[in-house]
Amino acid sequence: MVRFYTDEQFPFPVVELLRNLEHDVLTAQEAGNSGQGIPDEAVLAFAISQERAVLTINRDDFIRLHRFNSNHFGIVVCTNNRNWEQFAARIDEAVTREEPLSGKLIRVVRPVN
């Protein structure tokens, strides 16, 4: 089980599916951090303060943040996938394989069809 914090663009249907897979997922909306234009650096800082891995589809910015500082509880960057079940399953597989996630950048890519 991974403790995630999603940024505000992350699709909520995937959040629900990850919760069904026993992951602890806190969304930016639930934390009261949406609609405020919070910079990515602050998103990561909040996740760190909550001891959570960031889960995002904002790949480029969070890859850059990881390269700048790998002192975090994990960053999982994903390509968006409208097949929600497949998306959640691929995240679950990737993080299960990599646990613990501290200091790691995990890439979850949409399969080529």
C-alpha atoms as a PDB file:
ATOM      1  CA  MET A   1       0.000   0.000   0.000  1.00  0.00           C
ATOM      2  CA  VAL A   2       1.316   3.412  -1.004  1.00  0.00           C
ATOM      3  CA  ARG A   3       0.355   6.770   0.457  1.00  0.00           C
ATOM      4  CA  PHE A   4      -0.247   9.079  -2.518  1.00  0.00           C
ATOM      5  CA  TYR A   5      -0.954  12.769  -2.924  1.00  0.00           C
ATOM      6  CA  THR A   6      -2.416  13.716  -6.315  1.00  0.00           C
ATOM      7  CA  ASP A   7      -2.130  17.092  -7.919  1.00  0.00           C
ATOM      8  CA  GLU A   8      -5.378  18.720  -8.991  1.00  0.00           C
ATOM      9  CA  GLN A   9      -5.245  17.511 -12.620  1.00  0.00           C
ATOM     10  CA  PHE A  10      -5.086  13.836 -11.728  1.00  0.00           C
ATOM     11  CA  PRO A  11      -8.264  11.949 -12.815  1.00  0.00           C
ATOM     12  CA  PHE A  12     -10.546  11.137  -9.875  1.00  0.00           C
ATOM     13  CA  PRO A  13     -11.849   7.839 -11.356  1.00  0.00           C
ATOM     14  CA  VAL A  14      -8.290   6.508 -11.091  1.00  0.00           C
ATOM     15  CA  VAL A  15      -8.073   7.736  -7.492  1.00  0.00           C
ATOM     16  CA  GLU A  16     -11.160   5.705  -6.613  1.00  0.00           C
ATOM     17  CA  LEU A  17      -9.771   2.598  -8.309  1.00  0.00           C
ATOM     18  CA  LEU A  18      -6.445   2.968  -6.487  1.00  0.00           C
ATOM     19  CA  ARG A  19      -8.324   3.220  -3.212  1.00  0.00           C
ATOM     20  CA  ASN A  20     -10.104  -0.025  -4.093  1.00  0.00           C
ATOM     21  CA  LEU A  21      -6.627  -1.530  -4.502  1.00  0.00           C
ATOM     22  CA  GLU A  22      -5.909  -0.509  -0.864  1.00  0.00           C
ATOM     23  CA  HIS A  23      -3.778   2.560  -1.605  1.00  0.00           C
ATOM     24  CA  ASP A  24      -4.176   5.623   0.621  1.00  0.00           C
ATOM     25  CA  VAL A  25      -4.838   8.482  -1.786  1.00  0.00           C
ATOM     26  CA  LEU A  26      -5.285  12.126  -0.783  1.00  0.00           C
ATOM     27  CA  THR A  27      -6.270  14.506  -3.583  1.00  0.00           C
ATOM     28  CA  ALA A  28      -5.394  18.186  -3.816  1.00  0.00           C
ATOM     29  CA  GLN A  29      -9.134  18.888  -3.722  1.00  0.00           C
ATOM     30  CA  GLU A  30      -9.621  16.931  -0.485  1.00  0.00           C
ATOM     31  CA  ALA A  31      -6.636  18.699   1.087  1.00  0.00           C
ATOM     32  CA  GLY A  32      -8.113  22.108   0.202  1.00  0.00           C
ATOM     33  CA  ASN A  33      -5.271  22.808  -2.237  1.00  0.00           C
ATOM     34  CA  SER A  34      -7.110  23.100  -5.553  1.00  0.00           C
ATOM     35  CA  GLY A  35      -8.016  26.135  -7.617  1.00  0.00           C
ATOM     36  CA  GLN A  36      -5.270  28.232  -6.034  1.00  0.00           C
ATOM     37  CA  GLY A  37      -2.569  28.019  -8.681  1.00  0.00           C
ATOM     38  CA  ILE A  38      -0.186  26.340  -6.248  1.00  0.00           C
ATOM     39  CA  PRO A  39       3.239  25.895  -7.863  1.00  0.00           C
ATOM     40  CA  ASP A  40       4.541  22.376  -8.421  1.00  0.00           C
ATOM     41  CA  GLU A  41       7.328  22.950  -5.894  1.00  0.00           C
ATOM     42  CA  ALA A  42       4.674  23.602  -3.219  1.00  0.00           C
ATOM     43  CA  VAL A  43       2.716  20.513  -4.306  1.00  0.00           C
ATOM     44  CA  LEU A  44       5.830  18.425  -3.750  1.00  0.00           C
ATOM     45  CA  ALA A  45       6.571  20.160  -0.433  1.00  0.00           C
ATOM     46  CA  PHE A  46       3.028  19.423   0.779  1.00  0.00           C
ATOM     47  CA  ALA A  47       3.373  15.760  -0.232  1.00  0.00           C
ATOM     48  CA  ILE A  48       6.666  15.561   1.645  1.00  0.00           C
ATOM     49  CA  SER A  49       5.093  17.143   4.743  1.00  0.00           C
ATOM     50  CA  GLN A  50       2.390  14.456   4.620  1.00  0.00           C
ATOM     51  CA  GLU A  51       4.916  11.657   3.906  1.00  0.00           C
ATOM     52  CA  ARG A  52       3.188  10.855   0.615  1.00  0.00           C
ATOM     53  CA  ALA A  53       4.363  10.097  -2.906  1.00  0.00           C
ATOM     54  CA  VAL A  54       3.187  12.532  -5.580  1.00  0.00           C
ATOM     55  CA  LEU A  55       0.970  11.027  -8.270  1.00  0.00           C
ATOM     56  CA  THR A  56       0.706  13.223 -11.363  1.00  0.00           C
ATOM     57  CA  ILE A  57       0.165  13.433 -15.104  1.00  0.00           C
ATOM     58  CA  ASN A  58       2.310  16.599 -15.094  1.00  0.00           C
ATOM     59  CA  ARG A  59       5.393  14.668 -16.112  1.00  0.00           C
ATOM     60  CA  ASP A  60       7.918  17.268 -17.260  1.00  0.00           C
ATOM     61  CA  ASP A  61       7.687  19.546 -14.227  1.00  0.00           C
ATOM     62  CA  PHE A  62       7.885  16.745 -11.670  1.00  0.00           C
ATOM     63  CA  ILE A  63      10.744  15.006 -13.478  1.00  0.00           C
ATOM     64  CA  ARG A  64      12.589  18.335 -13.260  1.00  0.00           C
ATOM     65  CA  LEU A  65      11.788  18.638  -9.550  1.00  0.00           C
ATOM     66  CA  HIS A  66      13.067  15.104  -8.924  1.00  0.00           C
ATOM     67  CA  ARG A  67      16.321  15.869 -10.735  1.00  0.00           C
ATOM     68  CA  PHE A  68      16.748  18.983  -8.596  1.00  0.00           C
ATOM     69  CA  ASN A  69      16.017  17.196  -5.305  1.00  0.00           C
ATOM     70  CA  SER A  70      15.377  13.487  -4.765  1.00  0.00           C
ATOM     71  CA  ASN A  71      14.687  13.934  -1.042  1.00  0.00           C
ATOM     72  CA  HIS A  72      10.988  13.018  -1.205  1.00  0.00           C
ATOM     73  CA  PHE A  73       8.658  10.057  -0.630  1.00  0.00           C
ATOM     74  CA  GLY A  74       8.419   9.223  -4.320  1.00  0.00           C
ATOM     75  CA  ILE A  75       7.131  10.810  -7.498  1.00  0.00           C
ATOM     76  CA  VAL A  76       4.986   8.784  -9.885  1.00  0.00           C
ATOM     77  CA  VAL A  77       4.616  10.460 -13.275  1.00  0.00           C
ATOM     78  CA  CYS A  78       2.039   9.054 -15.673  1.00  0.00           C
ATOM     79  CA  THR A  79       0.898   9.482 -19.232  1.00  0.00           C
ATOM     80  CA  ASN A  80      -2.844  10.004 -19.194  1.00  0.00           C
ATOM     81  CA  ASN A  81      -4.886   6.947 -20.068  1.00  0.00           C
ATOM     82  CA  ARG A  82      -8.674   7.131 -20.503  1.00  0.00           C
ATOM     83  CA  ASN A  83      -8.936   3.421 -19.736  1.00  0.00           C
ATOM     84  CA  TRP A  84      -9.222   4.070 -15.995  1.00  0.00           C
ATOM     85  CA  GLU A  85      -8.997   0.429 -14.910  1.00  0.00           C
ATOM     86  CA  GLN A  86      -5.877  -0.160 -16.963  1.00  0.00           C
ATOM     87  CA  PHE A  87      -4.394   3.131 -15.717  1.00  0.00           C
ATOM     88  CA  ALA A  88      -4.921   2.202 -12.042  1.00  0.00           C
ATOM     89  CA  ALA A  89      -3.617  -1.335 -12.574  1.00  0.00           C
ATOM     90  CA  ARG A  90      -0.432  -0.074 -14.232  1.00  0.00           C
ATOM     91  CA  ILE A  91       0.197   2.358 -11.365  1.00  0.00           C
ATOM     92  CA  ASP A  92      -0.433  -0.384  -8.808  1.00  0.00           C
ATOM     93  CA  GLU A  93       1.957  -2.762 -10.584  1.00  0.00           C
ATOM     94  CA  ALA A  94       4.689  -0.141 -10.914  1.00  0.00           C
ATOM     95  CA  VAL A  95       4.633   1.016  -7.309  1.00  0.00           C
ATOM     96  CA  THR A  96       4.313  -2.492  -5.896  1.00  0.00           C
ATOM     97  CA  ARG A  97       7.413  -3.482  -7.849  1.00  0.00           C
ATOM     98  CA  GLU A  98       9.362  -0.409  -6.643  1.00  0.00           C
ATOM     99  CA  GLU A  99       8.356  -0.129  -2.959  1.00  0.00           C
ATOM    100  CA  PRO A 100       9.643   1.624  -0.959  1.00  0.00           C
ATOM    101  CA  LEU A 101       9.307   4.698  -3.167  1.00  0.00           C
ATOM    102  CA  SER A 102      11.364   7.196  -1.142  1.00  0.00           C
ATOM    103  CA  GLY A 103      13.682   9.152  -3.418  1.00  0.00           C
ATOM    104  CA  LYS A 104      12.461   7.383  -6.563  1.00  0.00           C
ATOM    105  CA  LEU A 105      10.956   8.657  -9.782  1.00  0.00           C
ATOM    106  CA  ILE A 106       8.549   6.080 -11.223  1.00  0.00           C
ATOM    107  CA  ARG A 107       7.266   6.412 -14.793  1.00  0.00           C
ATOM    108  CA  VAL A 108       3.934   4.848 -15.746  1.00  0.00           C
ATOM    109  CA  VAL A 109       3.271   5.055 -19.447  1.00  0.00           C
ATOM    110  CA  ARG A 110       0.144   4.299 -21.419  1.00  0.00           C
ATOM    111  CA  PRO A 111       0.569   1.129 -23.465  1.00  0.00           C
ATOM    112  CA  VAL A 112       0.873   1.484 -27.209  1.00  0.00           C
ATOM    113  CA  ASN A 113      -2.179  -0.045 -28.892  1.00  0.00           C
END
